Amino acid sequence: MQKNRWIELLLLCICLLRFASMAAAAAAALGRSGELGEEKNFEGSSDLVDLQYHMGPVLASPVNVYIIWYGRWNQNQQATIRDFIYSLSAPPSSASYPSVADWWRTVRLYTDQTGSNITGNFVLSGEFYDYKYSHGGYLSRLDIQSVIKNSVAASNPHALPLNPHDGLYLVLTSADVRVQDFCRAVCGFHYFTFPTIVGVTVPYAWVGYSGTQCPGMCAYPFAWPKYSGSTNGGHGIMKPPNGDVGAEGMISVIAHELAEVSSNPLVNAWYAGDDPTAPTEIADLCLGVYGSGAGGGYVGAVSKDAWGSGYNLNGAKGRKYLVQWVWNPVSRRCYGPNALD
């Protein structure tokens, strides 16, 4: 038991160091120094990005996604997010090019040591509604794992299955829930559960609703950061294609975390840098890049509908989404299917 506790503490320290690195990357990408014009990205090809494979597993088998809705949500927000998850594996006939599934094909280029590609098969296999706030209105990072534990508890009549084989747990917190470092340093994160808390090791991700707490940080470009000097309705503001700034911001963060948890689920697979406690992952390399020519606070060339809503991907059921690009390991550049070259 004592050995397990030491292991848990070691993993927690690694987790905290990793989050610190992610915070630094996010701050740089959003121009935390005070000028959006100082944003850096790798939209063009680059030989300076040292992305390497470290022999760990990727999510190569079909994935069963389990959503945990923590707090209170409205049905429109939930439908927007559900449809995005469905769109990842939707048949080509369900959405025109460029589609969400087309975007995921770049993520699928990553393989494990056997040559198996990341899966293209995501199934929304269960949802748990934690509307009673089982762990209160403020959650630490470690509390997220306890939220997962509660959702799979046998004593709960609507419990999710505990699936260590091909399960992925997605914890989504509502507008009134505060999460450690949310808005200050992170919009979401991914990791793996500790057996001493959940009972097994299983990948998971957390994303918070940013519509009221920090839309300028986590729902950009549908809102501007306060330090930018711009306001909602100012030059460059896009309208959200599905009508909810916070939910639209979540979509891109969910996509970011799904790409990274699939390519680096145990933090020992695909990442750049020599320090495994602070990896720079395949979506971290493309923060703020949504289209060709992105940089300096400009999201790149994306489409707009008749109402001025910005998007770069078509989803199933007629929806549209704005999702950041990810690093393409073949062309060695940030890439999305809406690229102009």
Protein backbone atom coordinates (compact mmCIF):
# COMPACT_ATOMS: atom_id res chain seq x y z
CA MET A 1 0.00 0.00 0.00
CA GLN A 2 2.82 2.41 0.92
CA LYS A 3 4.52 1.70 -2.41
CA ASN A 4 1.33 2.45 -4.29
CA ARG A 5 1.03 5.79 -2.51
CA TRP A 6 4.56 6.74 -3.47
CA ILE A 7 3.83 5.82 -7.08
CA GLU A 8 0.66 7.89 -7.00
CA LEU A 9 2.54 10.90 -5.60
CA LEU A 10 5.23 10.55 -8.27
CA LEU A 11 2.62 10.43 -11.04
CA LEU A 12 0.86 13.43 -9.57
CA CYS A 13 4.11 15.42 -9.60
CA ILE A 14 4.64 14.46 -13.23
CA CYS A 15 1.07 15.53 -13.97
CA LEU A 16 1.54 18.93 -12.33
CA LEU A 17 4.79 19.59 -14.16
CA ARG A 18 3.13 18.70 -17.44
CA PHE A 19 0.27 21.11 -16.76
CA ALA A 20 2.76 23.88 -16.03
CA SER A 21 4.32 23.33 -19.45
CA MET A 22 0.91 23.34 -21.14
CA ALA A 23 0.08 26.60 -19.38
CA ALA A 24 3.24 28.21 -20.70
CA ALA A 25 2.46 27.06 -24.23
CA ALA A 26 -1.09 28.33 -24.03
CA ALA A 27 0.03 31.68 -22.67
CA ALA A 28 2.50 32.09 -25.52
CA ALA A 29 -0.07 31.17 -28.14
CA LEU A 30 -2.60 33.66 -26.80
CA GLY A 31 -0.12 36.49 -26.53
CA ARG A 32 -0.14 36.71 -22.74
CA SER A 33 2.57 39.36 -22.92
CA GLY A 34 -0.14 41.79 -23.95
CA GLU A 35 0.05 41.76 -27.74
CA LEU A 36 -1.82 39.31 -29.94
CA GLY A 37 0.73 40.16 -32.62
CA GLU A 38 3.39 38.24 -30.69
CA GLU A 39 1.68 34.91 -31.22
CA LYS A 40 3.91 32.16 -32.56
CA ASN A 41 2.91 29.07 -34.50
CA PHE A 42 4.27 26.57 -36.97
CA GLU A 43 1.76 26.96 -39.80
CA GLY A 44 4.61 26.67 -42.31
CA SER A 45 6.79 23.55 -42.50
CA SER A 46 9.59 23.54 -39.96
CA ASP A 47 12.67 21.47 -39.28
CA LEU A 48 12.87 22.95 -35.79
CA VAL A 49 10.02 20.90 -34.34
CA ASP A 50 11.52 17.81 -32.75
CA LEU A 51 8.39 15.66 -32.55
CA GLN A 52 9.40 12.08 -31.73
CA TYR A 53 7.84 8.74 -30.93
CA HIS A 54 8.80 7.38 -27.49
CA MET A 55 7.55 3.79 -27.96
CA GLY A 56 4.40 4.08 -25.86
CA PRO A 57 0.90 3.04 -27.02
CA VAL A 58 -1.54 5.09 -29.05
CA LEU A 59 -5.30 4.57 -29.19
CA ALA A 60 -5.30 2.22 -32.17
CA SER A 61 -8.41 0.17 -31.33
CA PRO A 62 -11.96 1.52 -31.70
CA VAL A 63 -12.72 3.81 -28.77
CA ASN A 64 -15.81 3.86 -26.58
CA VAL A 65 -16.32 7.45 -25.41
CA TYR A 66 -18.15 8.08 -22.13
CA ILE A 67 -19.24 11.66 -21.42
CA ILE A 68 -19.66 12.84 -17.84
CA TRP A 69 -21.78 16.00 -17.75
CA TYR A 70 -20.76 17.63 -14.48
CA GLY A 71 -23.14 20.36 -13.35
CA ARG A 72 -26.13 21.73 -15.21
CA TRP A 73 -26.29 21.81 -19.00
CA ASN A 74 -28.89 22.82 -21.53
CA GLN A 75 -29.88 20.47 -24.32
CA ASN A 76 -28.54 22.65 -27.14
CA GLN A 77 -25.03 22.65 -25.66
CA GLN A 78 -25.15 18.88 -25.22
CA ALA A 79 -26.44 18.29 -28.75
CA THR A 80 -23.66 20.41 -30.27
CA ILE A 81 -20.99 18.41 -28.44
CA ARG A 82 -22.61 15.02 -29.08
CA ASP A 83 -22.84 15.75 -32.79
CA PHE A 84 -19.15 16.65 -32.87
CA ILE A 85 -18.19 13.32 -31.28
CA TYR A 86 -20.40 11.53 -33.78
CA SER A 87 -18.85 13.52 -36.65
CA LEU A 88 -15.37 12.14 -35.93
CA SER A 89 -16.38 8.75 -37.32
CA ALA A 90 -19.36 9.72 -39.47
CA PRO A 91 -19.56 8.20 -42.98
CA PRO A 92 -18.44 10.48 -45.84
CA SER A 93 -22.01 10.90 -47.05
CA SER A 94 -23.03 12.59 -43.77
CA ALA A 95 -20.94 15.75 -44.22
CA SER A 96 -19.41 17.60 -47.16
CA TYR A 97 -15.67 18.27 -47.50
CA PRO A 98 -13.86 19.49 -45.43
CA SER A 99 -15.47 17.44 -42.67
CA VAL A 100 -14.62 16.68 -39.05
CA ALA A 101 -13.71 13.13 -40.15
CA ASP A 102 -11.36 14.63 -42.79
CA TRP A 103 -9.67 16.66 -40.04
CA TRP A 104 -9.21 13.50 -37.93
CA ARG A 105 -7.36 11.80 -40.79
CA THR A 106 -4.29 13.89 -39.94
CA VAL A 107 -4.38 12.51 -36.39
CA ARG A 108 -4.67 9.01 -37.83
CA LEU A 109 -1.26 9.36 -39.51
CA TYR A 110 0.36 8.65 -36.14
CA THR A 111 1.22 5.01 -35.42
CA ASP A 112 2.55 2.85 -32.61
CA GLN A 113 5.62 0.62 -32.70
CA THR A 114 3.67 -2.10 -34.53
CA GLY A 115 2.73 0.31 -37.30
CA SER A 116 -0.93 0.49 -36.24
CA ASN A 117 -2.55 3.84 -36.92
CA ILE A 118 -4.65 5.78 -34.44
CA THR A 119 -8.27 4.67 -34.71
CA GLY A 120 -10.88 6.44 -36.77
CA ASN A 121 -13.71 4.79 -34.88
CA PHE A 122 -15.23 6.66 -31.95
CA VAL A 123 -18.52 5.50 -30.46
CA LEU A 124 -20.41 7.54 -27.88
CA SER A 125 -21.20 4.59 -25.63
CA GLY A 126 -22.59 6.23 -22.51
CA GLU A 127 -23.39 9.46 -20.69
CA PHE A 128 -23.56 10.24 -17.00
CA TYR A 129 -25.35 13.27 -15.60
CA ASP A 130 -23.69 14.52 -12.42
CA TYR A 131 -26.21 17.33 -11.96
CA LYS A 132 -25.95 17.16 -8.17
CA TYR A 133 -22.29 18.27 -8.28
CA SER A 134 -20.99 15.17 -6.47
CA HIS A 135 -17.69 16.88 -5.61
CA GLY A 136 -18.89 20.44 -5.21
CA GLY A 137 -18.58 23.60 -7.27
CA TYR A 138 -14.77 23.71 -7.20
CA LEU A 139 -12.65 20.84 -8.50
CA SER A 140 -8.93 20.30 -8.21
CA ARG A 141 -7.16 18.50 -11.02
CA LEU A 142 -7.09 15.32 -8.98
CA ASP A 143 -10.81 15.70 -8.22
CA ILE A 144 -11.53 15.03 -11.89
CA GLN A 145 -10.49 11.42 -11.32
CA SER A 146 -12.84 11.20 -8.34
CA VAL A 147 -15.65 12.48 -10.56
CA ILE A 148 -14.89 9.60 -12.94
CA LYS A 149 -14.85 7.17 -10.00
CA ASN A 150 -18.29 8.39 -8.95
CA SER A 151 -19.66 7.91 -12.46
CA VAL A 152 -18.63 4.23 -12.54
CA ALA A 153 -19.52 3.40 -8.93
CA ALA A 154 -21.57 0.22 -8.72
CA SER A 155 -23.83 1.85 -6.13
CA ASN A 156 -24.95 4.40 -8.69
CA PRO A 157 -28.09 3.21 -10.54
CA HIS A 158 -27.03 4.98 -13.76
CA ALA A 159 -23.33 4.14 -13.55
CA LEU A 160 -21.11 4.04 -16.60
CA PRO A 161 -19.13 0.86 -17.25
CA LEU A 162 -15.55 0.87 -16.05
CA ASN A 163 -13.79 0.08 -19.32
CA PRO A 164 -9.97 -0.13 -19.12
CA HIS A 165 -9.67 -1.87 -22.50
CA ASP A 166 -11.02 0.66 -24.99
CA GLY A 167 -12.75 3.30 -22.88
CA LEU A 168 -12.12 7.04 -22.91
CA TYR A 169 -13.80 9.24 -20.29
CA LEU A 170 -14.61 12.85 -21.15
CA VAL A 171 -15.44 15.04 -18.15
CA LEU A 172 -17.21 18.29 -19.10
CA THR A 173 -17.87 20.92 -16.42
CA SER A 174 -20.68 23.46 -16.70
CA ALA A 175 -20.49 27.25 -16.59
CA ASP A 176 -20.76 27.53 -12.80
CA VAL A 177 -18.04 25.01 -11.95
CA ARG A 178 -14.58 26.25 -11.05
CA VAL A 179 -11.65 23.99 -11.86
CA GLN A 180 -8.09 24.41 -10.67
CA ASP A 181 -6.17 26.63 -13.11
CA PHE A 182 -9.14 26.83 -15.51
CA CYS A 183 -8.98 30.16 -17.38
CA ARG A 184 -5.74 31.10 -15.62
CA ALA A 185 -3.59 28.48 -17.30
CA VAL A 186 -5.63 25.80 -19.10
CA CYS A 187 -8.89 25.30 -20.99
CA GLY A 188 -8.69 21.52 -20.80
CA PHE A 189 -6.25 18.68 -20.20
CA HIS A 190 -5.86 14.94 -20.65
CA TYR A 191 -4.15 12.30 -18.57
CA PHE A 192 -4.76 8.78 -17.25
CA THR A 193 -6.46 7.63 -14.06
CA PHE A 194 -4.62 6.30 -11.03
CA PRO A 195 -5.63 2.76 -9.95
CA THR A 196 -5.63 3.93 -6.33
CA ILE A 197 -8.47 6.32 -7.16
CA VAL A 198 -10.48 4.81 -10.01
CA GLY A 199 -9.36 1.19 -9.76
CA VAL A 200 -7.76 0.98 -13.21
CA THR A 201 -5.59 2.99 -15.57
CA VAL A 202 -7.74 4.51 -18.29
CA PRO A 203 -7.27 7.65 -20.44
CA TYR A 204 -9.47 10.63 -19.80
CA ALA A 205 -9.83 14.30 -20.69
CA TRP A 206 -11.45 17.29 -19.02
CA VAL A 207 -12.77 20.44 -20.73
CA GLY A 208 -14.59 23.33 -19.06
CA TYR A 209 -17.38 25.55 -20.37
CA SER A 210 -15.81 28.96 -20.94
CA GLY A 211 -18.79 31.03 -22.04
CA THR A 212 -19.01 33.00 -18.80
CA GLN A 213 -15.68 32.45 -17.03
CA CYS A 214 -13.10 33.17 -19.75
CA PRO A 215 -14.48 33.29 -23.30
CA GLY A 216 -11.58 35.46 -24.46
CA MET A 217 -9.08 32.78 -23.55
CA CYS A 218 -10.89 29.52 -24.17
CA ALA A 219 -13.50 30.48 -26.77
CA TYR A 220 -11.28 32.61 -29.01
CA PRO A 221 -11.90 33.77 -31.78
CA PHE A 222 -15.58 34.00 -30.85
CA ALA A 223 -14.51 36.38 -28.08
CA TRP A 224 -11.41 38.52 -27.60
CA PRO A 225 -9.04 38.38 -24.64
CA LYS A 226 -9.59 41.30 -22.27
CA TYR A 227 -5.97 42.37 -22.55
CA SER A 228 -6.21 42.70 -26.34
CA GLY A 229 -8.07 46.01 -26.13
CA SER A 230 -10.91 44.65 -28.30
CA THR A 231 -14.46 43.89 -27.24
CA ASN A 232 -17.15 41.54 -28.42
CA GLY A 233 -18.48 42.99 -31.63
CA GLY A 234 -15.11 44.54 -32.44
CA HIS A 235 -13.08 43.93 -35.57
CA GLY A 236 -12.33 40.29 -36.21
CA ILE A 237 -14.93 38.78 -33.91
CA MET A 238 -16.64 35.76 -35.42
CA LYS A 239 -20.08 34.54 -34.59
CA PRO A 240 -20.29 30.92 -33.35
CA PRO A 241 -21.76 28.64 -36.03
CA ASN A 242 -24.00 26.80 -33.55
CA GLY A 243 -25.03 29.83 -31.52
CA ASP A 244 -23.19 29.31 -28.21
CA VAL A 245 -19.79 30.92 -27.63
CA GLY A 246 -18.90 28.65 -24.70
CA ALA A 247 -19.92 25.42 -26.42
CA GLU A 248 -18.07 26.44 -29.61
CA GLY A 249 -14.94 27.10 -27.59
CA MET A 250 -15.28 23.71 -25.96
CA ILE A 251 -15.49 21.97 -29.34
CA SER A 252 -12.01 23.07 -30.39
CA VAL A 253 -10.56 22.24 -26.96
CA ILE A 254 -12.25 18.82 -27.01
CA ALA A 255 -10.76 18.21 -30.46
CA HIS A 256 -7.35 19.31 -29.17
CA GLU A 257 -7.50 16.95 -26.19
CA LEU A 258 -8.86 14.00 -28.20
CA ALA A 259 -5.99 14.36 -30.68
CA GLU A 260 -3.43 14.40 -27.89
CA VAL A 261 -4.92 11.68 -25.71
CA SER A 262 -5.09 9.45 -28.82
CA SER A 263 -1.46 10.05 -29.77
CA ASN A 264 -0.05 10.17 -26.22
CA PRO A 265 -2.47 8.46 -23.83
CA LEU A 266 0.10 7.46 -21.19
CA VAL A 267 2.42 10.43 -21.82
CA ASN A 268 5.07 8.17 -23.39
CA ALA A 269 4.22 8.12 -27.10
CA TRP A 270 4.21 11.15 -29.45
CA TYR A 271 5.56 14.46 -28.18
CA ALA A 272 8.33 16.99 -28.72
CA GLY A 273 11.03 17.79 -26.19
CA ASP A 274 13.39 15.78 -24.06
CA ASP A 275 11.40 15.96 -20.82
CA PRO A 276 8.53 13.42 -20.59
CA THR A 277 7.08 15.33 -17.63
CA ALA A 278 6.52 18.38 -19.86
CA PRO A 279 5.68 17.14 -23.37
CA THR A 280 4.67 19.40 -26.23
CA GLU A 281 2.05 17.38 -28.10
CA ILE A 282 0.62 17.33 -31.60
CA ALA A 283 -2.07 19.95 -30.96
CA ASP A 284 0.10 22.15 -28.71
CA LEU A 285 2.25 22.83 -31.77
CA CYS A 286 -0.70 24.42 -33.58
CA LEU A 287 -2.41 26.58 -30.96
CA GLY A 288 -4.33 29.41 -32.63
CA VAL A 289 -4.03 27.94 -36.15
CA TYR A 290 -7.36 27.30 -37.90
CA GLY A 291 -6.49 27.99 -41.53
CA SER A 292 -3.75 28.86 -44.01
CA GLY A 293 -1.72 31.96 -43.22
CA ALA A 294 -2.47 31.92 -39.49
CA GLY A 295 -0.28 33.95 -37.18
CA GLY A 296 -0.10 37.19 -35.24
CA GLY A 297 -3.56 36.76 -33.77
CA TYR A 298 -5.02 35.87 -37.19
CA VAL A 299 -6.70 32.45 -37.15
CA GLY A 300 -6.08 31.87 -40.84
CA ALA A 301 -8.30 31.53 -43.89
CA VAL A 302 -11.61 30.06 -42.72
CA SER A 303 -15.12 30.11 -44.13
CA LYS A 304 -18.00 32.30 -43.00
CA ASP A 305 -21.68 31.73 -43.54
CA ALA A 306 -24.25 34.39 -44.43
CA TRP A 307 -24.53 35.43 -40.77
CA GLY A 308 -20.79 35.90 -40.27
CA SER A 309 -20.30 32.66 -38.37
CA GLY A 310 -16.77 31.30 -38.77
CA TYR A 311 -16.07 27.64 -39.44
CA ASN A 312 -13.53 25.38 -41.10
CA LEU A 313 -15.18 21.96 -40.84
CA ASN A 314 -18.54 20.46 -41.73
CA GLY A 315 -20.07 18.11 -39.20
CA ALA A 316 -22.81 15.55 -39.29
CA LYS A 317 -26.43 16.59 -39.03
CA GLY A 318 -25.77 19.86 -40.85
CA ARG A 319 -23.57 21.45 -38.19
CA LYS A 320 -20.39 23.42 -38.77
CA TYR A 321 -17.41 23.76 -36.46
CA LEU A 322 -14.24 25.81 -36.04
CA VAL A 323 -11.45 23.49 -34.90
CA GLN A 324 -7.72 24.19 -34.59
CA TRP A 325 -5.28 22.32 -36.79
CA VAL A 326 -2.85 19.62 -35.61
CA TRP A 327 0.70 18.76 -36.56
CA ASN A 328 1.03 16.58 -39.68
CA PRO A 329 3.98 14.19 -39.15
CA VAL A 330 4.40 13.56 -42.89
CA SER A 331 4.52 17.12 -44.21
CA ARG A 332 5.93 18.40 -40.88
CA ARG A 333 3.57 21.33 -40.55
CA CYS A 334 0.27 22.26 -38.99
CA TYR A 335 -2.49 21.08 -41.25
CA GLY A 336 -6.25 20.91 -41.66
CA PRO A 337 -8.40 19.80 -44.57
CA ASN A 338 -9.36 23.43 -45.28
CA ALA A 339 -5.72 24.26 -46.15
CA LEU A 340 -5.29 26.32 -49.29
CA ASP A 341 -2.07 24.54 -50.27
